[in-house]
């Protein structure tokens, strides 16, 4: 959840106009928000999109589904750890 929030926060702060910021907040799904800023000619880190494999699938609860095991596996991956560090350190 923190990865998703951080990406959306960083994307929001790249917007200049209050109108775009308001529209951004009305936009659902992080992927759509990233497309929104891209449509306005704003570049963002490739890491933001790549981390979608962390923030997309595991935030929507469904009965009888193991969320923990696949997420732990992804979070144990060195490359994913590095991408999350880049996201939060702003590198």
PDB file of N, CA and C in Angstrom:
ATOM      1  N   UNK A   1       0.824  -1.181   0.000  1.00  0.00           N
ATOM      2  CA  UNK A   1       0.000   0.000   0.000  1.00  0.00           C
ATOM      3  C   UNK A   1       0.876   1.255   0.000  1.00  0.00           C
ATOM      4  N   UNK A   2       1.962   1.225   0.740  1.00  0.00           N
ATOM      5  CA  UNK A   2       2.848   2.389   0.814  1.00  0.00           C
ATOM      6  C   UNK A   2       3.468   2.707  -0.544  1.00  0.00           C
ATOM      7  N   UNK A   3       3.760   1.683  -1.334  1.00  0.00           N
ATOM      8  CA  UNK A   3       4.339   1.886  -2.661  1.00  0.00           C
ATOM      9  C   UNK A   3       3.341   2.633  -3.538  1.00  0.00           C
ATOM     10  N   UNK A   4       2.107   2.207  -3.514  1.00  0.00           N
ATOM     11  CA  UNK A   4       1.063   2.845  -4.310  1.00  0.00           C
ATOM     12  C   UNK A   4       0.861   4.299  -3.892  1.00  0.00           C
ATOM     13  N   UNK A   5       0.783   4.536  -2.610  1.00  0.00           N
ATOM     14  CA  UNK A   5       0.580   5.897  -2.100  1.00  0.00           C
ATOM     15  C   UNK A   5       1.739   6.802  -2.499  1.00  0.00           C
ATOM     16  N   UNK A   6       2.962   6.313  -2.367  1.00  0.00           N
ATOM     17  CA  UNK A   6       4.137   7.121  -2.689  1.00  0.00           C
ATOM     18  C   UNK A   6       4.161   7.486  -4.172  1.00  0.00           C
ATOM     19  N   UNK A   7       3.872   6.526  -5.024  1.00  0.00           N
ATOM     20  CA  UNK A   7       3.868   6.792  -6.467  1.00  0.00           C
ATOM     21  C   UNK A   7       2.807   7.834  -6.807  1.00  0.00           C
ATOM     22  N   UNK A   8       1.617   7.681  -6.266  1.00  0.00           N
ATOM     23  CA  UNK A   8       0.551   8.636  -6.550  1.00  0.00           C
ATOM     24  C   UNK A   8       0.877  10.020  -5.989  1.00  0.00           C
ATOM     25  N   UNK A   9       1.512  10.072  -4.842  1.00  0.00           N
ATOM     26  CA  UNK A   9       1.917  11.355  -4.256  1.00  0.00           C
ATOM     27  C   UNK A   9       2.942  12.057  -5.151  1.00  0.00           C
ATOM     28  N   UNK A  10       3.944  11.319  -5.584  1.00  0.00           N
ATOM     29  CA  UNK A  10       4.972  11.895  -6.447  1.00  0.00           C
ATOM     30  C   UNK A  10       4.378  12.364  -7.777  1.00  0.00           C
ATOM     31  N   UNK A  11       3.480  11.573  -8.323  1.00  0.00           N
ATOM     32  CA  UNK A  11       2.836  11.933  -9.593  1.00  0.00           C
ATOM     33  C   UNK A  11       2.005  13.198  -9.421  1.00  0.00           C
ATOM     34  N   UNK A  12       1.243  13.272  -8.358  1.00  0.00           N
ATOM     35  CA  UNK A  12       0.396  14.441  -8.086  1.00  0.00           C
ATOM     36  C   UNK A  12       1.235  15.719  -8.025  1.00  0.00           C
ATOM     37  N   UNK A  13       2.366  15.642  -7.360  1.00  0.00           N
ATOM     38  CA  UNK A  13       3.217  16.827  -7.191  1.00  0.00           C
ATOM     39  C   UNK A  13       3.924  17.249  -8.477  1.00  0.00           C
ATOM     40  N   UNK A  14       3.909  16.395  -9.487  1.00  0.00           N
ATOM     41  CA  UNK A  14       4.468  16.785 -10.779  1.00  0.00           C
ATOM     42  C   UNK A  14       3.491  17.666 -11.570  1.00  0.00           C
ATOM     43  N   UNK A  15       2.221  17.626 -11.200  1.00  0.00           N
ATOM     44  CA  UNK A  15       1.215  18.425 -11.895  1.00  0.00           C
ATOM     45  C   UNK A  15       1.304  19.878 -11.455  1.00  0.00           C
ATOM     46  N   UNK A  16       1.083  20.779 -12.389  1.00  0.00           N
ATOM     47  CA  UNK A  16       1.190  22.208 -12.075  1.00  0.00           C
ATOM     48  C   UNK A  16      -0.153  22.875 -11.863  1.00  0.00           C
ATOM     49  N   UNK A  17      -1.127  22.578 -12.697  1.00  0.00           N
ATOM     50  CA  UNK A  17      -2.399  23.292 -12.596  1.00  0.00           C
ATOM     51  C   UNK A  17      -3.321  22.648 -11.563  1.00  0.00           C
ATOM     52  N   UNK A  18      -4.093  23.489 -10.921  1.00  0.00           N
ATOM     53  CA  UNK A  18      -5.061  23.002  -9.933  1.00  0.00           C
ATOM     54  C   UNK A  18      -6.137  22.153 -10.605  1.00  0.00           C
ATOM     55  N   UNK A  19      -6.452  22.499 -11.843  1.00  0.00           N
ATOM     56  CA  UNK A  19      -7.449  21.727 -12.595  1.00  0.00           C
ATOM     57  C   UNK A  19      -6.951  20.300 -12.833  1.00  0.00           C
ATOM     58  N   UNK A  20      -5.692  20.171 -13.249  1.00  0.00           N
ATOM     59  CA  UNK A  20      -5.110  18.838 -13.451  1.00  0.00           C
ATOM     60  C   UNK A  20      -5.033  18.070 -12.132  1.00  0.00           C
ATOM     61  N   UNK A  21      -4.687  18.748 -11.069  1.00  0.00           N
ATOM     62  CA  UNK A  21      -4.614  18.078  -9.764  1.00  0.00           C
ATOM     63  C   UNK A  21      -5.981  17.560  -9.339  1.00  0.00           C
ATOM     64  N   UNK A  22      -7.019  18.351  -9.564  1.00  0.00           N
ATOM     65  CA  UNK A  22      -8.375  17.930  -9.209  1.00  0.00           C
ATOM     66  C   UNK A  22      -8.798  16.721 -10.044  1.00  0.00           C
ATOM     67  N   UNK A  23      -8.493  16.762 -11.337  1.00  0.00           N
ATOM     68  CA  UNK A  23      -8.839  15.644 -12.221  1.00  0.00           C
ATOM     69  C   UNK A  23      -8.051  14.396 -11.844  1.00  0.00           C
ATOM     70  N   UNK A  24      -6.799  14.576 -11.479  1.00  0.00           N
ATOM     71  CA  UNK A  24      -5.951  13.465 -11.052  1.00  0.00           C
ATOM     72  C   UNK A  24      -6.580  12.755  -9.854  1.00  0.00           C
ATOM     73  N   UNK A  25      -7.062  13.528  -8.903  1.00  0.00           N
ATOM     74  CA  UNK A  25      -7.659  12.939  -7.704  1.00  0.00           C
ATOM     75  C   UNK A  25      -8.957  12.192  -8.003  1.00  0.00           C
ATOM     76  N   UNK A  26      -9.621  12.568  -9.071  1.00  0.00           N
ATOM     77  CA  UNK A  26     -10.857  11.884  -9.467  1.00  0.00           C
ATOM     78  C   UNK A  26     -10.574  10.611 -10.267  1.00  0.00           C
ATOM     79  N   UNK A  27      -9.342  10.484 -10.749  1.00  0.00           N
ATOM     80  CA  UNK A  27      -8.959   9.339 -11.566  1.00  0.00           C
ATOM     81  C   UNK A  27      -8.726   8.126 -10.677  1.00  0.00           C
ATOM     82  N   UNK A  28      -9.279   7.004 -11.079  1.00  0.00           N
ATOM     83  CA  UNK A  28      -9.119   5.766 -10.317  1.00  0.00           C
ATOM     84  C   UNK A  28      -8.020   4.907 -10.930  1.00  0.00           C
ATOM     85  N   UNK A  29      -7.341   4.157 -10.102  1.00  0.00           N
ATOM     86  CA  UNK A  29      -6.265   3.233 -10.451  1.00  0.00           C
ATOM     87  C   UNK A  29      -4.965   3.974 -10.729  1.00  0.00           C
ATOM     88  N   UNK A  30      -3.917   3.481 -10.144  1.00  0.00           N
ATOM     89  CA  UNK A  30      -2.604   4.104 -10.277  1.00  0.00           C
ATOM     90  C   UNK A  30      -2.144   4.110 -11.734  1.00  0.00           C
ATOM     91  N   UNK A  31      -2.387   3.031 -12.441  1.00  0.00           N
ATOM     92  CA  UNK A  31      -1.996   2.964 -13.855  1.00  0.00           C
ATOM     93  C   UNK A  31      -2.656   4.103 -14.632  1.00  0.00           C
ATOM     94  N   UNK A  32      -3.929   4.348 -14.386  1.00  0.00           N
ATOM     95  CA  UNK A  32      -4.644   5.432 -15.068  1.00  0.00           C
ATOM     96  C   UNK A  32      -4.087   6.796 -14.674  1.00  0.00           C
ATOM     97  N   UNK A  33      -3.686   6.929 -13.429  1.00  0.00           N
ATOM     98  CA  UNK A  33      -3.103   8.192 -12.978  1.00  0.00           C
ATOM     99  C   UNK A  33      -1.760   8.447 -13.661  1.00  0.00           C
ATOM    100  N   UNK A  34      -0.981   7.389 -13.845  1.00  0.00           N
ATOM    101  CA  UNK A  34       0.291   7.540 -14.545  1.00  0.00           C
ATOM    102  C   UNK A  34       0.054   7.888 -16.014  1.00  0.00           C
ATOM    103  N   UNK A  35      -0.950   7.290 -16.619  1.00  0.00           N
ATOM    104  CA  UNK A  35      -1.302   7.644 -17.995  1.00  0.00           C
ATOM    105  C   UNK A  35      -1.756   9.106 -18.071  1.00  0.00           C
ATOM    106  N   UNK A  36      -2.484   9.547 -17.066  1.00  0.00           N
ATOM    107  CA  UNK A  36      -2.973  10.925 -17.009  1.00  0.00           C
ATOM    108  C   UNK A  36      -1.806  11.915 -17.032  1.00  0.00           C
ATOM    109  N   UNK A  37      -0.792  11.684 -16.196  1.00  0.00           N
ATOM    110  CA  UNK A  37       0.325  12.630 -16.184  1.00  0.00           C
ATOM    111  C   UNK A  37       1.146  12.526 -17.471  1.00  0.00           C
ATOM    112  N   UNK A  38       1.251  11.328 -18.028  1.00  0.00           N
ATOM    113  CA  UNK A  38       1.986  11.154 -19.288  1.00  0.00           C
ATOM    114  C   UNK A  38       1.294  11.914 -20.420  1.00  0.00           C
ATOM    115  N   UNK A  39      -0.030  11.910 -20.419  1.00  0.00           N
ATOM    116  CA  UNK A  39      -0.796  12.643 -21.435  1.00  0.00           C
ATOM    117  C   UNK A  39      -0.549  14.150 -21.354  1.00  0.00           C
ATOM    118  N   UNK A  40      -0.119  14.603 -20.208  1.00  0.00           N
ATOM    119  CA  UNK A  40       0.189  16.013 -20.029  1.00  0.00           C
ATOM    120  C   UNK A  40       1.663  16.313 -20.279  1.00  0.00           C
ATOM    121  N   UNK A  41       2.362  15.336 -20.820  1.00  0.00           N
ATOM    122  CA  UNK A  41       3.757  15.526 -21.177  1.00  0.00           C
ATOM    123  C   UNK A  41       4.717  15.435 -20.011  1.00  0.00           C
ATOM    124  N   UNK A  42       4.274  14.841 -18.930  1.00  0.00           N
ATOM    125  CA  UNK A  42       5.105  14.730 -17.729  1.00  0.00           C
ATOM    126  C   UNK A  42       5.767  13.355 -17.720  1.00  0.00           C
ATOM    127  N   UNK A  43       7.086  13.366 -17.621  1.00  0.00           N
ATOM    128  CA  UNK A  43       7.835  12.121 -17.525  1.00  0.00           C
ATOM    129  C   UNK A  43       7.835  11.627 -16.085  1.00  0.00           C
ATOM    130  N   UNK A  44       7.859  10.318 -15.947  1.00  0.00           N
ATOM    131  CA  UNK A  44       7.984   9.723 -14.617  1.00  0.00           C
ATOM    132  C   UNK A  44       8.887   8.507 -14.707  1.00  0.00           C
ATOM    133  N   UNK A  45       9.386   8.104 -13.577  1.00  0.00           N
ATOM    134  CA  UNK A  45      10.325   6.992 -13.513  1.00  0.00           C
ATOM    135  C   UNK A  45       9.678   5.687 -13.976  1.00  0.00           C
ATOM    136  N   UNK A  46      10.423   4.943 -14.762  1.00  0.00           N
ATOM    137  CA  UNK A  46       9.986   3.625 -15.199  1.00  0.00           C
ATOM    138  C   UNK A  46       9.717   2.719 -13.988  1.00  0.00           C
ATOM    139  N   UNK A  47      10.424   2.955 -12.918  1.00  0.00           N
ATOM    140  CA  UNK A  47      10.257   2.173 -11.688  1.00  0.00           C
ATOM    141  C   UNK A  47       8.811   2.239 -11.202  1.00  0.00           C
ATOM    142  N   UNK A  48       8.181   3.402 -11.349  1.00  0.00           N
ATOM    143  CA  UNK A  48       6.802   3.549 -10.894  1.00  0.00           C
ATOM    144  C   UNK A  48       5.891   2.537 -11.584  1.00  0.00           C
ATOM    145  N   UNK A  49       6.038   2.391 -12.874  1.00  0.00           N
ATOM    146  CA  UNK A  49       5.201   1.455 -13.627  1.00  0.00           C
ATOM    147  C   UNK A  49       5.581   0.011 -13.306  1.00  0.00           C
ATOM    148  N   UNK A  50       6.871  -0.260 -13.214  1.00  0.00           N
ATOM    149  CA  UNK A  50       7.323  -1.623 -12.945  1.00  0.00           C
ATOM    150  C   UNK A  50       6.856  -2.130 -11.583  1.00  0.00           C
ATOM    151  N   UNK A  51       6.746  -1.238 -10.634  1.00  0.00           N
ATOM    152  CA  UNK A  51       6.287  -1.654  -9.308  1.00  0.00           C
ATOM    153  C   UNK A  51       4.798  -1.978  -9.283  1.00  0.00           C
ATOM    154  N   UNK A  52       4.128  -1.824 -10.413  1.00  0.00           N
ATOM    155  CA  UNK A  52       2.729  -2.219 -10.513  1.00  0.00           C
ATOM    156  C   UNK A  52       2.506  -3.670 -10.131  1.00  0.00           C
ATOM    157  N   UNK A  53       3.511  -4.512 -10.343  1.00  0.00           N
ATOM    158  CA  UNK A  53       3.363  -5.908  -9.957  1.00  0.00           C
ATOM    159  C   UNK A  53       3.265  -6.065  -8.442  1.00  0.00           C
ATOM    160  N   UNK A  54       3.647  -5.050  -7.692  1.00  0.00           N
ATOM    161  CA  UNK A  54       3.494  -5.079  -6.240  1.00  0.00           C
ATOM    162  C   UNK A  54       2.156  -4.458  -5.837  1.00  0.00           C
ATOM    163  N   UNK A  55       1.853  -3.287  -6.371  1.00  0.00           N
ATOM    164  CA  UNK A  55       0.675  -2.576  -5.865  1.00  0.00           C
ATOM    165  C   UNK A  55      -0.633  -2.927  -6.549  1.00  0.00           C
ATOM    166  N   UNK A  56      -0.633  -3.633  -7.653  1.00  0.00           N
ATOM    167  CA  UNK A  56      -1.887  -3.904  -8.347  1.00  0.00           C
ATOM    168  C   UNK A  56      -2.684  -5.079  -7.799  1.00  0.00           C
ATOM    169  N   UNK A  57      -2.080  -6.213  -7.675  1.00  0.00           N
ATOM    170  CA  UNK A  57      -2.838  -7.425  -7.378  1.00  0.00           C
ATOM    171  C   UNK A  57      -3.146  -7.663  -5.914  1.00  0.00           C
ATOM    172  N   UNK A  58      -2.408  -7.078  -5.038  1.00  0.00           N
ATOM    173  CA  UNK A  58      -2.491  -7.527  -3.651  1.00  0.00           C
ATOM    174  C   UNK A  58      -3.241  -6.589  -2.724  1.00  0.00           C
ATOM    175  N   UNK A  59      -3.991  -5.678  -3.269  1.00  0.00           N
ATOM    176  CA  UNK A  59      -4.744  -4.765  -2.417  1.00  0.00           C
ATOM    177  C   UNK A  59      -6.243  -5.024  -2.454  1.00  0.00           C
ATOM    178  N   UNK A  60      -6.667  -6.021  -3.192  1.00  0.00           N
ATOM    179  CA  UNK A  60      -8.087  -6.317  -3.315  1.00  0.00           C
ATOM    180  C   UNK A  60      -8.355  -7.708  -2.751  1.00  0.00           C
ATOM    181  N   UNK A  61      -8.994  -7.740  -1.594  1.00  0.00           N
ATOM    182  CA  UNK A  61      -9.227  -8.982  -0.881  1.00  0.00           C
ATOM    183  C   UNK A  61     -10.246  -9.858  -1.591  1.00  0.00           C
ATOM    184  N   UNK A  62      -9.937 -11.134  -1.676  1.00  0.00           N
ATOM    185  CA  UNK A  62     -10.872 -12.150  -2.162  1.00  0.00           C
ATOM    186  C   UNK A  62     -10.748 -13.357  -1.257  1.00  0.00           C
ATOM    187  N   UNK A  63     -11.882 -13.933  -0.897  1.00  0.00           N
ATOM    188  CA  UNK A  63     -11.876 -15.119  -0.046  1.00  0.00           C
ATOM    189  C   UNK A  63     -11.125 -16.261  -0.724  1.00  0.00           C
ATOM    190  N   UNK A  64     -10.516 -17.073   0.095  1.00  0.00           N
ATOM    191  CA  UNK A  64      -9.816 -18.277  -0.348  1.00  0.00           C
ATOM    192  C   UNK A  64      -8.669 -17.997  -1.315  1.00  0.00           C
ATOM    193  N   UNK A  65      -8.045 -16.856  -1.182  1.00  0.00           N
ATOM    194  CA  UNK A  65      -6.882 -16.545  -2.011  1.00  0.00           C
ATOM    195  C   UNK A  65      -5.698 -16.242  -1.102  1.00  0.00           C
ATOM    196  N   UNK A  66      -4.575 -16.845  -1.404  1.00  0.00           N
ATOM    197  CA  UNK A  66      -3.350 -16.611  -0.643  1.00  0.00           C
ATOM    198  C   UNK A  66      -2.659 -15.372  -1.210  1.00  0.00           C
ATOM    199  N   UNK A  67      -2.764 -14.278  -0.500  1.00  0.00           N
ATOM    200  CA  UNK A  67      -2.133 -13.035  -0.920  1.00  0.00           C
ATOM    201  C   UNK A  67      -0.699 -12.952  -0.412  1.00  0.00           C
ATOM    202  N   UNK A  68      -0.474 -13.554   0.709  1.00  0.00           N
ATOM    203  CA  UNK A  68       0.790 -13.391   1.416  1.00  0.00           C
ATOM    204  C   UNK A  68       1.975 -14.045   0.713  1.00  0.00           C
ATOM    205  N   UNK A  69       1.842 -15.279   0.293  1.00  0.00           N
ATOM    206  CA  UNK A  69       2.968 -16.010  -0.291  1.00  0.00           C
ATOM    207  C   UNK A  69       3.516 -15.353  -1.556  1.00  0.00           C
ATOM    208  N   UNK A  70       2.681 -15.028  -2.555  1.00  0.00           N
ATOM    209  CA  UNK A  70       3.250 -14.398  -3.749  1.00  0.00           C
ATOM    210  C   UNK A  70       3.844 -13.020  -3.472  1.00  0.00           C
ATOM    211  N   UNK A  71       3.230 -12.267  -2.583  1.00  0.00           N
ATOM    212  CA  UNK A  71       3.746 -10.940  -2.264  1.00  0.00           C
ATOM    213  C   UNK A  71       5.091 -11.039  -1.551  1.00  0.00           C
ATOM    214  N   UNK A  72       5.205 -11.953  -0.607  1.00  0.00           N
ATOM    215  CA  UNK A  72       6.486 -12.159   0.080  1.00  0.00           C
ATOM    216  C   UNK A  72       7.569 -12.543  -0.911  1.00  0.00           C
ATOM    217  N   UNK A  73       7.220 -13.395  -1.849  1.00  0.00           N
ATOM    218  CA  UNK A  73       8.182 -13.834  -2.857  1.00  0.00           C
ATOM    219  C   UNK A  73       8.677 -12.648  -3.678  1.00  0.00           C
ATOM    220  N   UNK A  74       7.776 -11.793  -4.090  1.00  0.00           N
ATOM    221  CA  UNK A  74       8.161 -10.620  -4.877  1.00  0.00           C
ATOM    222  C   UNK A  74       8.992  -9.651  -4.040  1.00  0.00           C
ATOM    223  N   UNK A  75       8.607  -9.460  -2.789  1.00  0.00           N
ATOM    224  CA  UNK A  75       9.329  -8.522  -1.931  1.00  0.00           C
ATOM    225  C   UNK A  75      10.705  -9.045  -1.524  1.00  0.00           C
ATOM    226  N   UNK A  76      10.928 -10.335  -1.654  1.00  0.00           N
ATOM    227  CA  UNK A  76      12.245 -10.906  -1.378  1.00  0.00           C
ATOM    228  C   UNK A  76      13.198 -10.749  -2.552  1.00  0.00           C
ATOM    229  N   UNK A  77      12.683 -10.374  -3.709  1.00  0.00           N
ATOM    230  CA  UNK A  77      13.494 -10.231  -4.903  1.00  0.00           C
ATOM    231  C   UNK A  77      14.392  -9.002  -4.784  1.00  0.00           C
ATOM    232  N   UNK A  78      15.678  -9.186  -5.055  1.00  0.00           N
ATOM    233  CA  UNK A  78      16.656  -8.108  -4.915  1.00  0.00           C
ATOM    234  C   UNK A  78      16.313  -6.902  -5.793  1.00  0.00           C
ATOM    235  N   UNK A  79      15.936  -7.149  -7.034  1.00  0.00           N
ATOM    236  CA  UNK A  79      15.635  -6.056  -7.966  1.00  0.00           C
ATOM    237  C   UNK A  79      14.426  -5.255  -7.474  1.00  0.00           C
ATOM    238  N   UNK A  80      13.417  -5.947  -7.012  1.00  0.00           N
ATOM    239  CA  UNK A  80      12.226  -5.250  -6.497  1.00  0.00           C
ATOM    240  C   UNK A  80      12.578  -4.445  -5.255  1.00  0.00           C
ATOM    241  N   UNK A  81      13.396  -5.008  -4.395  1.00  0.00           N
ATOM    242  CA  UNK A  81      13.848  -4.252  -3.211  1.00  0.00           C
ATOM    243  C   UNK A  81      14.568  -2.973  -3.634  1.00  0.00           C
ATOM    244  N   UNK A  82      15.424  -3.090  -4.639  1.00  0.00           N
ATOM    245  CA  UNK A  82      16.159  -1.929  -5.136  1.00  0.00           C
ATOM    246  C   UNK A  82      15.205  -0.875  -5.707  1.00  0.00           C
ATOM    247  N   UNK A  83      14.190  -1.313  -6.455  1.00  0.00           N
ATOM    248  CA  UNK A  83      13.237  -0.369  -7.030  1.00  0.00           C
ATOM    249  C   UNK A  83      12.463   0.362  -5.935  1.00  0.00           C
ATOM    250  N   UNK A  84      12.100  -0.345  -4.879  1.00  0.00           N
ATOM    251  CA  UNK A  84      11.376   0.290  -3.772  1.00  0.00           C
ATOM    252  C   UNK A  84      12.281   1.292  -3.063  1.00  0.00           C
ATOM    253  N   UNK A  85      13.548   0.956  -2.909  1.00  0.00           N
ATOM    254  CA  UNK A  85      14.499   1.902  -2.322  1.00  0.00           C
ATOM    255  C   UNK A  85      14.630   3.146  -3.185  1.00  0.00           C
ATOM    256  N   UNK A  86      14.717   2.969  -4.480  1.00  0.00           N
ATOM    257  CA  UNK A  86      14.795   4.105  -5.403  1.00  0.00           C
ATOM    258  C   UNK A  86      13.561   4.978  -5.247  1.00  0.00           C
ATOM    259  N   UNK A  87      12.401   4.359  -5.180  1.00  0.00           N
ATOM    260  CA  UNK A  87      11.145   5.105  -5.036  1.00  0.00           C
ATOM    261  C   UNK A  87      11.148   5.983  -3.797  1.00  0.00           C
ATOM    262  N   UNK A  88      11.545   5.413  -2.659  1.00  0.00           N
ATOM    263  CA  UNK A  88      11.456   6.156  -1.402  1.00  0.00           C
ATOM    264  C   UNK A  88      12.641   7.077  -1.139  1.00  0.00           C
ATOM    265  N   UNK A  89      13.766   6.797  -1.770  1.00  0.00           N
ATOM    266  CA  UNK A  89      14.933   7.673  -1.593  1.00  0.00           C
ATOM    267  C   UNK A  89      14.965   8.772  -2.636  1.00  0.00           C
ATOM    268  N   UNK A  90      14.143   8.624  -3.683  1.00  0.00           N
ATOM    269  CA  UNK A  90      14.094   9.642  -4.718  1.00  0.00           C
ATOM    270  C   UNK A  90      15.280   9.626  -5.648  1.00  0.00           C
ATOM    271  N   UNK A  91      15.999   8.531  -5.692  1.00  0.00           N
ATOM    272  CA  UNK A  91      17.164   8.433  -6.576  1.00  0.00           C
ATOM    273  C   UNK A  91      16.749   8.279  -8.015  1.00  0.00           C
TER     274      UNK A  91
END
